[in-house]
C-alpha atoms as a PDB file:
ATOM      1  CA  MET A   1      98.014 178.118  87.679  1.00  0.00           C
ATOM      2  CA  ARG A   2      97.152 178.256  91.390  1.00  0.00           C
ATOM      3  CA  LYS A   3      94.802 181.196  90.779  1.00  0.00           C
ATOM      4  CA  SER A   4      93.025 179.311  88.010  1.00  0.00           C
ATOM      5  CA  LEU A   5      92.540 176.276  90.255  1.00  0.00           C
ATOM      6  CA  PHE A   6      91.178 178.493  93.019  1.00  0.00           C
ATOM      7  CA  ALA A   7      88.810 180.149  90.550  1.00  0.00           C
ATOM      8  CA  LEU A   8      87.625 176.727  89.389  1.00  0.00           C
ATOM      9  CA  LEU A   9      86.975 175.703  93.001  1.00  0.00           C
ATOM     10  CA  LEU A  10      84.982 178.877  93.660  1.00  0.00           C
ATOM     11  CA  PHE A  11      82.992 178.299  90.487  1.00  0.00           C
ATOM     12  CA  PHE A  12      82.262 174.718  91.499  1.00  0.00           C
ATOM     13  CA  ILE A  13      81.164 175.644  95.028  1.00  0.00           C
ATOM     14  CA  GLY A  14      78.970 178.335  93.515  1.00  0.00           C
ATOM     15  CA  SER A  15      77.327 175.752  91.266  1.00  0.00           C
ATOM     16  CA  VAL A  16      76.697 173.451  94.270  1.00  0.00           C
ATOM     17  CA  GLN A  17      75.156 176.367  96.149  1.00  0.00           C
ATOM     18  CA  ALA A  18      72.961 177.066  93.156  1.00  0.00           C
ATOM     19  CA  ALA A  19      71.826 173.450  93.256  1.00  0.00           C
ATOM     20  CA  ASP A  20      71.220 174.108  97.002  1.00  0.00           C
ATOM     21  CA  THR A  21      72.219 170.731  98.424  1.00  0.00           C
ATOM     22  CA  LEU A  22      75.078 168.241  98.456  1.00  0.00           C
ATOM     23  CA  PHE A  23      73.507 164.828  99.019  1.00  0.00           C
ATOM     24  CA  ILE A  24      75.194 161.880 100.720  1.00  0.00           C
ATOM     25  CA  GLY A  25      73.800 158.510  99.652  1.00  0.00           C
ATOM     26  CA  PHE A  26      73.638 156.306 102.788  1.00  0.00           C
ATOM     27  CA  LEU A  27      73.243 152.540 102.351  1.00  0.00           C
ATOM     28  CA  ASP A  28      72.029 151.369 105.756  1.00  0.00           C
ATOM     29  CA  TYR A  29      70.632 147.860 106.309  1.00  0.00           C
ATOM     30  CA  ASN A  30      70.278 148.296 110.088  1.00  0.00           C
ATOM     31  CA  ARG A  31      68.035 151.354 110.427  1.00  0.00           C
ATOM     32  CA  SER A  32      64.987 152.736 108.659  1.00  0.00           C
ATOM     33  CA  PRO A  33      65.817 155.572 106.214  1.00  0.00           C
ATOM     34  CA  ILE A  34      63.952 158.075 108.393  1.00  0.00           C
ATOM     35  CA  GLN A  35      65.879 157.009 111.500  1.00  0.00           C
ATOM     36  CA  ALA A  36      69.219 157.167 109.651  1.00  0.00           C
ATOM     37  CA  VAL A  37      68.513 160.740 108.513  1.00  0.00           C
ATOM     38  CA  GLN A  38      67.380 161.831 111.976  1.00  0.00           C
ATOM     39  CA  ASP A  39      70.413 160.270 113.640  1.00  0.00           C
ATOM     40  CA  ALA A  40      72.784 162.105 111.283  1.00  0.00           C
ATOM     41  CA  ARG A  41      71.529 165.647 111.952  1.00  0.00           C
ATOM     42  CA  GLY A  42      74.623 166.645 113.926  1.00  0.00           C
ATOM     43  CA  PHE A  43      76.846 165.226 111.196  1.00  0.00           C
ATOM     44  CA  THR A  44      75.073 167.007 108.336  1.00  0.00           C
ATOM     45  CA  ALA A  45      75.043 170.291 110.276  1.00  0.00           C
ATOM     46  CA  TYR A  46      78.817 169.988 110.754  1.00  0.00           C
ATOM     47  CA  MET A  47      79.480 169.107 107.106  1.00  0.00           C
ATOM     48  CA  SER A  48      77.248 171.959 105.913  1.00  0.00           C
ATOM     49  CA  ARG A  49      79.129 174.441 108.067  1.00  0.00           C
ATOM     50  CA  VAL A  50      82.613 173.257 107.052  1.00  0.00           C
ATOM     51  CA  LEU A  51      81.909 172.840 103.325  1.00  0.00           C
ATOM     52  CA  GLY A  52      79.868 176.024 103.053  1.00  0.00           C
ATOM     53  CA  VAL A  53      76.975 174.281 101.260  1.00  0.00           C
ATOM     54  CA  PRO A  54      73.856 172.522 102.591  1.00  0.00           C
ATOM     55  CA  VAL A  55      74.502 168.807 103.124  1.00  0.00           C
ATOM     56  CA  LYS A  56      71.726 166.238 103.463  1.00  0.00           C
ATOM     57  CA  ILE A  57      71.518 162.472 103.870  1.00  0.00           C
ATOM     58  CA  GLU A  58      69.480 160.358 101.485  1.00  0.00           C
ATOM     59  CA  ALA A  59      69.273 156.941 103.148  1.00  0.00           C
ATOM     60  CA  SER A  60      68.034 153.680 101.665  1.00  0.00           C
ATOM     61  CA  ARG A  61      68.209 149.928 102.181  1.00  0.00           C
ATOM     62  CA  ASN A  62      68.013 149.482  98.398  1.00  0.00           C
ATOM     63  CA  TYR A  63      71.495 148.841  96.988  1.00  0.00           C
ATOM     64  CA  ASP A  64      70.509 149.013  93.320  1.00  0.00           C
ATOM     65  CA  LYS A  65      68.582 152.274  93.792  1.00  0.00           C
ATOM     66  CA  LEU A  66      71.576 154.052  95.315  1.00  0.00           C
ATOM     67  CA  ILE A  67      73.996 152.736  92.671  1.00  0.00           C
ATOM     68  CA  THR A  68      71.624 153.914  89.914  1.00  0.00           C
ATOM     69  CA  GLU A  69      71.438 157.371  91.476  1.00  0.00           C
ATOM     70  CA  ALA A  70      75.211 157.427  91.930  1.00  0.00           C
ATOM     71  CA  LYS A  71      75.565 156.843  88.170  1.00  0.00           C
ATOM     72  CA  GLN A  72      73.330 159.888  87.690  1.00  0.00           C
ATOM     73  CA  LYS A  73      75.725 161.912  89.894  1.00  0.00           C
ATOM     74  CA  ARG A  74      72.993 162.671  92.405  1.00  0.00           C
ATOM     75  CA  PHE A  75      75.362 162.292  95.337  1.00  0.00           C
ATOM     76  CA  GLY A  76      78.454 164.220  96.311  1.00  0.00           C
ATOM     77  CA  LEU A  77      79.365 161.342  98.610  1.00  0.00           C
ATOM     78  CA  VAL A  78      78.184 157.805  99.156  1.00  0.00           C
ATOM     79  CA  PHE A  79      78.518 155.869 102.408  1.00  0.00           C
ATOM     80  CA  GLY A  80      78.049 152.196 103.122  1.00  0.00           C
ATOM     81  CA  PRO A  81      79.818 148.841 103.080  1.00  0.00           C
ATOM     82  CA  PRO A  82      83.198 148.857 101.302  1.00  0.00           C
ATOM     83  CA  THR A  83      81.872 146.725  98.439  1.00  0.00           C
ATOM     84  CA  PHE A  84      79.245 149.432  97.843  1.00  0.00           C
ATOM     85  CA  ALA A  85      81.973 152.084  97.692  1.00  0.00           C
ATOM     86  CA  MET A  86      83.998 149.937  95.283  1.00  0.00           C
ATOM     87  CA  ASP A  87      80.932 149.343  93.112  1.00  0.00           C
ATOM     88  CA  ALA A  88      80.282 153.101  93.041  1.00  0.00           C
ATOM     89  CA  MET A  89      83.906 153.551  91.941  1.00  0.00           C
ATOM     90  CA  ALA A  90      83.653 150.956  89.166  1.00  0.00           C
ATOM     91  CA  LYS A  91      80.239 152.026  87.860  1.00  0.00           C
ATOM     92  CA  ALA A  92      80.071 155.749  88.589  1.00  0.00           C
ATOM     93  CA  GLY A  93      83.624 157.033  89.123  1.00  0.00           C
ATOM     94  CA  TYR A  94      83.430 157.627  92.881  1.00  0.00           C
ATOM     95  CA  GLU A  95      86.677 157.466  94.865  1.00  0.00           C
ATOM     96  CA  PRO A  96      86.842 155.770  98.309  1.00  0.00           C
ATOM     97  CA  ASN A  97      88.499 158.295 100.607  1.00  0.00           C
ATOM     98  CA  VAL A  98      87.552 157.815 104.276  1.00  0.00           C
ATOM     99  CA  ARG A  99      86.426 154.803 106.311  1.00  0.00           C
ATOM    100  CA  VAL A 100      85.277 153.712 109.731  1.00  0.00           C
ATOM    101  CA  PRO A 101      88.163 152.103 111.684  1.00  0.00           C
ATOM    102  CA  GLY A 102      88.103 148.355 112.188  1.00  0.00           C
ATOM    103  CA  GLN A 103      86.755 145.470 110.144  1.00  0.00           C
ATOM    104  CA  LEU A 104      83.485 143.793 109.229  1.00  0.00           C
ATOM    105  CA  ALA A 105      83.102 140.016 109.079  1.00  0.00           C
ATOM    106  CA  ALA A 106      80.243 137.635 108.339  1.00  0.00           C
ATOM    107  CA  ALA A 107      79.100 135.578 111.340  1.00  0.00           C
ATOM    108  CA  PHE A 108      77.294 132.267 110.834  1.00  0.00           C
ATOM    109  CA  VAL A 109      75.023 131.948 113.879  1.00  0.00           C
ATOM    110  CA  ALA A 110      72.257 129.720 115.207  1.00  0.00           C
ATOM    111  CA  LEU A 111      70.104 129.762 118.303  1.00  0.00           C
ATOM    112  CA  SER A 112      71.914 128.010 121.153  1.00  0.00           C
ATOM    113  CA  SER A 113      68.843 125.874 121.747  1.00  0.00           C
ATOM    114  CA  SER A 114      69.144 124.444 118.210  1.00  0.00           C
ATOM    115  CA  GLY A 115      72.283 122.444 118.984  1.00  0.00           C
ATOM    116  CA  ILE A 116      73.949 123.827 115.840  1.00  0.00           C
ATOM    117  CA  ALA A 117      77.491 124.705 116.904  1.00  0.00           C
ATOM    118  CA  PHE A 118      79.902 123.582 114.145  1.00  0.00           C
ATOM    119  CA  PRO A 119      79.997 123.945 110.348  1.00  0.00           C
ATOM    120  CA  GLU A 120      79.094 120.285 109.856  1.00  0.00           C
ATOM    121  CA  ASP A 121      75.940 120.856 111.929  1.00  0.00           C
ATOM    122  CA  MET A 122      74.663 123.289 109.286  1.00  0.00           C
ATOM    123  CA  LYS A 123      74.255 120.583 106.635  1.00  0.00           C
ATOM    124  CA  GLY A 124      70.632 120.175 105.588  1.00  0.00           C
ATOM    125  CA  LYS A 125      69.557 123.248 107.560  1.00  0.00           C
ATOM    126  CA  ARG A 126      67.715 126.394 106.424  1.00  0.00           C
ATOM    127  CA  LEU A 127      70.061 129.353 105.804  1.00  0.00           C
ATOM    128  CA  GLY A 128      69.046 133.005 106.063  1.00  0.00           C
ATOM    129  CA  LEU A 129      71.041 135.845 104.478  1.00  0.00           C
ATOM    130  CA  THR A 130      70.537 139.552 103.905  1.00  0.00           C
ATOM    131  CA  ASP A 131      70.576 141.255 100.477  1.00  0.00           C
ATOM    132  CA  LYS A 132      72.507 139.319  97.809  1.00  0.00           C
ATOM    133  CA  ASN A 133      74.692 142.393  97.187  1.00  0.00           C
ATOM    134  CA  SER A 134      75.463 143.054 100.848  1.00  0.00           C
ATOM    135  CA  LEU A 135      79.056 142.779 102.039  1.00  0.00           C
ATOM    136  CA  VAL A 136      78.111 140.220 104.697  1.00  0.00           C
ATOM    137  CA  THR A 137      76.452 137.932 102.147  1.00  0.00           C
ATOM    138  CA  LEU A 138      79.448 138.208  99.801  1.00  0.00           C
ATOM    139  CA  LEU A 139      81.831 137.409 102.676  1.00  0.00           C
ATOM    140  CA  ALA A 140      79.630 134.504 103.748  1.00  0.00           C
ATOM    141  CA  MET A 141      79.678 133.000 100.264  1.00  0.00           C
ATOM    142  CA  ALA A 142      83.455 133.440 100.079  1.00  0.00           C
ATOM    143  CA  LYS A 143      83.826 131.604 103.404  1.00  0.00           C
ATOM    144  CA  LEU A 144      81.703 128.705 102.125  1.00  0.00           C
ATOM    145  CA  ARG A 145      83.822 128.491  98.955  1.00  0.00           C
ATOM    146  CA  GLU A 146      86.937 128.488 101.141  1.00  0.00           C
ATOM    147  CA  LEU A 147      85.540 125.394 102.922  1.00  0.00           C
ATOM    148  CA  LYS A 148      84.566 123.788  99.591  1.00  0.00           C
ATOM    149  CA  ILE A 149      80.883 123.995 100.567  1.00  0.00           C
ATOM    150  CA  ASN A 150      78.340 124.392  97.762  1.00  0.00           C
ATOM    151  CA  PRO A 151      75.471 126.275  99.451  1.00  0.00           C
ATOM    152  CA  ALA A 152      72.931 125.121  96.851  1.00  0.00           C
ATOM    153  CA  THR A 153      73.379 121.483  97.874  1.00  0.00           C
ATOM    154  CA  TYR A 154      74.647 121.814 101.462  1.00  0.00           C
ATOM    155  CA  PHE A 155      71.634 123.693 102.855  1.00  0.00           C
ATOM    156  CA  LYS A 156      68.007 122.641 102.742  1.00  0.00           C
ATOM    157  CA  SER A 157      67.030 126.142 101.634  1.00  0.00           C
ATOM    158  CA  ILE A 158      68.476 129.657 101.307  1.00  0.00           C
ATOM    159  CA  THR A 159      66.301 132.697 101.963  1.00  0.00           C
ATOM    160  CA  TYR A 160      67.328 136.336 101.481  1.00  0.00           C
ATOM    161  CA  TYR A 161      65.925 139.093 103.692  1.00  0.00           C
ATOM    162  CA  SER A 162      65.924 142.813 102.930  1.00  0.00           C
ATOM    163  CA  ASP A 163      67.538 143.841 106.206  1.00  0.00           C
ATOM    164  CA  ILE A 164      68.893 142.643 109.525  1.00  0.00           C
ATOM    165  CA  ASP A 165      65.491 143.011 111.214  1.00  0.00           C
ATOM    166  CA  GLY A 166      64.046 140.526 108.745  1.00  0.00           C
ATOM    167  CA  LEU A 167      66.831 138.066 109.549  1.00  0.00           C
ATOM    168  CA  TYR A 168      66.207 138.331 113.298  1.00  0.00           C
ATOM    169  CA  THR A 169      62.451 137.952 112.774  1.00  0.00           C
ATOM    170  CA  ALA A 170      63.070 134.797 110.719  1.00  0.00           C
ATOM    171  CA  PHE A 171      64.854 133.291 113.732  1.00  0.00           C
ATOM    172  CA  LYS A 172      62.032 134.400 116.005  1.00  0.00           C
ATOM    173  CA  TYR A 173      59.377 132.623 113.945  1.00  0.00           C
ATOM    174  CA  ASN A 174      61.492 129.526 113.242  1.00  0.00           C
ATOM    175  CA  LEU A 175      61.791 130.217 109.511  1.00  0.00           C
ATOM    176  CA  ILE A 176      65.556 129.595 109.431  1.00  0.00           C
ATOM    177  CA  ASP A 177      68.064 127.516 111.384  1.00  0.00           C
ATOM    178  CA  VAL A 178      71.271 129.430 110.512  1.00  0.00           C
ATOM    179  CA  GLY A 179      71.600 133.147 109.822  1.00  0.00           C
ATOM    180  CA  VAL A 180      74.457 135.421 108.782  1.00  0.00           C
ATOM    181  CA  PRO A 181      74.601 138.915 110.319  1.00  0.00           C
ATOM    182  CA  ASN A 182      77.894 140.755 110.707  1.00  0.00           C
ATOM    183  CA  LEU A 183      79.991 139.984 113.771  1.00  0.00           C
ATOM    184  CA  GLY A 184      78.996 143.201 115.535  1.00  0.00           C
ATOM    185  CA  ILE A 185      75.271 142.547 115.071  1.00  0.00           C
ATOM    186  CA  TYR A 186      75.725 139.004 116.414  1.00  0.00           C
ATOM    187  CA  ALA A 187      77.307 140.451 119.567  1.00  0.00           C
ATOM    188  CA  ALA A 188      74.490 143.006 119.896  1.00  0.00           C
ATOM    189  CA  TRP A 189      71.854 140.273 119.579  1.00  0.00           C
ATOM    190  CA  ASN A 190      73.436 138.295 122.401  1.00  0.00           C
ATOM    191  CA  MET A 191      73.762 141.371 124.620  1.00  0.00           C
ATOM    192  CA  SER A 192      70.130 142.400 124.035  1.00  0.00           C
ATOM    193  CA  GLY A 193      68.861 139.505 126.141  1.00  0.00           C
ATOM    194  CA  GLY A 194      66.203 138.561 123.601  1.00  0.00           C
ATOM    195  CA  ALA A 195      67.854 135.312 122.503  1.00  0.00           C
ATOM    196  CA  ASP A 196      71.121 133.441 122.884  1.00  0.00           C
ATOM    197  CA  PHE A 197      73.091 132.599 119.726  1.00  0.00           C
ATOM    198  CA  ASN A 198      76.005 130.281 118.953  1.00  0.00           C
ATOM    199  CA  LEU A 199      78.788 131.605 116.722  1.00  0.00           C
ATOM    200  CA  ILE A 200      79.414 128.721 114.316  1.00  0.00           C
ATOM    201  CA  MET A 201      82.160 130.371 112.261  1.00  0.00           C
ATOM    202  CA  GLN A 202      83.145 133.723 110.821  1.00  0.00           C
ATOM    203  CA  SER A 203      84.593 134.950 107.545  1.00  0.00           C
ATOM    204  CA  THR A 204      87.810 136.801 106.847  1.00  0.00           C
ATOM    205  CA  GLY A 205      87.463 140.465 107.834  1.00  0.00           C
ATOM    206  CA  ALA A 206      86.992 143.328 105.371  1.00  0.00           C
ATOM    207  CA  PRO A 207      87.331 147.116 105.716  1.00  0.00           C
ATOM    208  CA  HIS A 208      84.538 148.787 107.643  1.00  0.00           C
ATOM    209  CA  LEU A 209      81.904 151.238 106.335  1.00  0.00           C
ATOM    210  CA  THR A 210      83.373 153.595 103.759  1.00  0.00           C
ATOM    211  CA  PHE A 211      82.806 157.013 102.198  1.00  0.00           C
ATOM    212  CA  ALA A 212      83.486 157.600  98.502  1.00  0.00           C
ATOM    213  CA  VAL A 213      83.534 161.044  96.897  1.00  0.00           C
ATOM    214  CA  ARG A 214      82.538 161.980  93.364  1.00  0.00           C
ATOM    215  CA  GLY A 215      85.572 161.551  91.155  1.00  0.00           C
ATOM    216  CA  ASP A 216      84.742 164.491  88.885  1.00  0.00           C
ATOM    217  CA  TYR A 217      84.872 167.044  91.695  1.00  0.00           C
ATOM    218  CA  PRO A 218      87.866 169.442  91.578  1.00  0.00           C
ATOM    219  CA  ALA A 219      90.840 168.071  93.532  1.00  0.00           C
ATOM    220  CA  GLU A 220      90.736 170.907  96.066  1.00  0.00           C
ATOM    221  CA  PHE A 221      87.052 170.346  96.814  1.00  0.00           C
ATOM    222  CA  LYS A 222      87.585 166.582  97.209  1.00  0.00           C
ATOM    223  CA  LYS A 223      90.384 167.360  99.663  1.00  0.00           C
ATOM    224  CA  LYS A 224      88.112 169.738 101.550  1.00  0.00           C
ATOM    225  CA  ILE A 225      85.492 166.989 101.906  1.00  0.00           C
ATOM    226  CA  THR A 226      88.093 164.417 102.982  1.00  0.00           C
ATOM    227  CA  ASP A 227      89.611 166.794 105.546  1.00  0.00           C
ATOM    228  CA  ALA A 228      86.150 167.587 106.934  1.00  0.00           C
ATOM    229  CA  LEU A 229      85.412 163.887 107.441  1.00  0.00           C
ATOM    230  CA  LEU A 230      88.777 163.209 109.079  1.00  0.00           C
ATOM    231  CA  SER A 231      88.244 166.130 111.479  1.00  0.00           C
ATOM    232  CA  ALA A 232      84.621 165.325 112.342  1.00  0.00           C
ATOM    233  CA  ASP A 233      85.571 163.790 115.701  1.00  0.00           C
ATOM    234  CA  LYS A 234      86.750 167.223 116.873  1.00  0.00           C
ATOM    235  CA  ASP A 235      83.217 168.618 116.591  1.00  0.00           C
ATOM    236  CA  GLN A 236      80.928 168.277 119.608  1.00  0.00           C
ATOM    237  CA  PHE A 237      77.943 166.918 117.664  1.00  0.00           C
ATOM    238  CA  ALA A 238      79.206 165.626 114.300  1.00  0.00           C
ATOM    239  CA  MET A 239      80.027 162.118 115.532  1.00  0.00           C
ATOM    240  CA  GLN A 240      77.214 161.822 118.064  1.00  0.00           C
ATOM    241  CA  SER A 241      75.169 159.211 116.170  1.00  0.00           C
ATOM    242  CA  PHE A 242      78.296 157.380 114.995  1.00  0.00           C
ATOM    243  CA  ARG A 243      79.628 157.142 118.552  1.00  0.00           C
ATOM    244  CA  GLY A 244      76.299 155.619 119.543  1.00  0.00           C
ATOM    245  CA  ALA A 245      77.171 152.809 117.114  1.00  0.00           C
ATOM    246  CA  GLY A 246      80.685 152.471 118.549  1.00  0.00           C
ATOM    247  CA  ILE A 247      82.377 154.608 115.847  1.00  0.00           C
ATOM    248  CA  PRO A 248      84.646 157.224 117.483  1.00  0.00           C
ATOM    249  CA  ASN A 249      86.221 158.721 114.355  1.00  0.00           C
ATOM    250  CA  PHE A 250      87.091 158.187 110.681  1.00  0.00           C
ATOM    251  CA  GLU A 251      90.420 157.342 109.033  1.00  0.00           C
ATOM    252  CA  PRO A 252      91.866 157.449 105.490  1.00  0.00           C
ATOM    253  CA  VAL A 253      91.338 154.399 103.291  1.00  0.00           C
ATOM    254  CA  ASP A 254      94.143 152.045 102.299  1.00  0.00           C
ATOM    255  CA  MET A 255      93.231 150.863  98.806  1.00  0.00           C
ATOM    256  CA  ALA A 256      95.414 147.751  99.183  1.00  0.00           C
ATOM    257  CA  GLN A 257      92.913 146.467 101.774  1.00  0.00           C
ATOM    258  CA  TYR A 258      90.037 147.038  99.378  1.00  0.00           C
ATOM    259  CA  LYS A 259      91.776 145.205  96.557  1.00  0.00           C
ATOM    260  CA  ALA A 260      92.445 142.281  98.917  1.00  0.00           C
ATOM    261  CA  MET A 261      88.763 142.260  99.918  1.00  0.00           C
ATOM    262  CA  MET A 262      87.595 142.193  96.303  1.00  0.00           C
ATOM    263  CA  SER A 263      90.001 139.361  95.546  1.00  0.00           C
ATOM    264  CA  TYR A 264      88.652 137.372  98.516  1.00  0.00           C
ATOM    265  CA  ILE A 265      84.968 137.723  97.678  1.00  0.00           C
ATOM    266  CA  LYS A 266      85.566 136.933  93.999  1.00  0.00           C
ATOM    267  CA  GLN A 267      87.834 133.913  94.529  1.00  0.00           C
END
């Protein structure tokens, strides 16, 4: 039995090599696709070496595009917000396996000069959000439901932006009064010195960025991928770009946290 499993694994790896490349679908709202690919060169070189097949990043800010390609089994792995990983599991059979430590939370913020400092101050104001499918938007909507706030009637207007740069630009040109980045981006905005923001409120936290592996891969190959991710911090260059974003290593997922997150955003 063990020999047959090993033979299956060798056959599978051979088929990946024949296809030349194992793609990782990156959903990244904070960087351009070109920048995300360039930043990950040390990571893809490490994964290629450990897995024995070429590994490349295919980055996009387009949620629906990546989910469609995941359904087509284009990717060996996907990486992005935990809701993206869970959607890939539900729609394309991917299995969340490794995550970034820590949590993500939605942060309702306004320019300090606006005088908007409390939830009641947001009434009648213009709200800016990122993609409707983004984790931060889903957490933001869950927080409003928790407070019994109907966004359609509470805010003067709601505008969705394709990425975090669009949200910041909307503040810059006075197109919105309240915006919702994640808590880490809010902190980065305040540290950048470009503008000073008030934190009005934040949502319940959710698991951080997450990898999910193709569910139809042989068990031994899935384990090899998972082990490679969990050991990436031991390589000199694999985590270089992640460390630049404050991510020192990866850890295994706890599916109970993901189920709790899905329950919260769907309440």
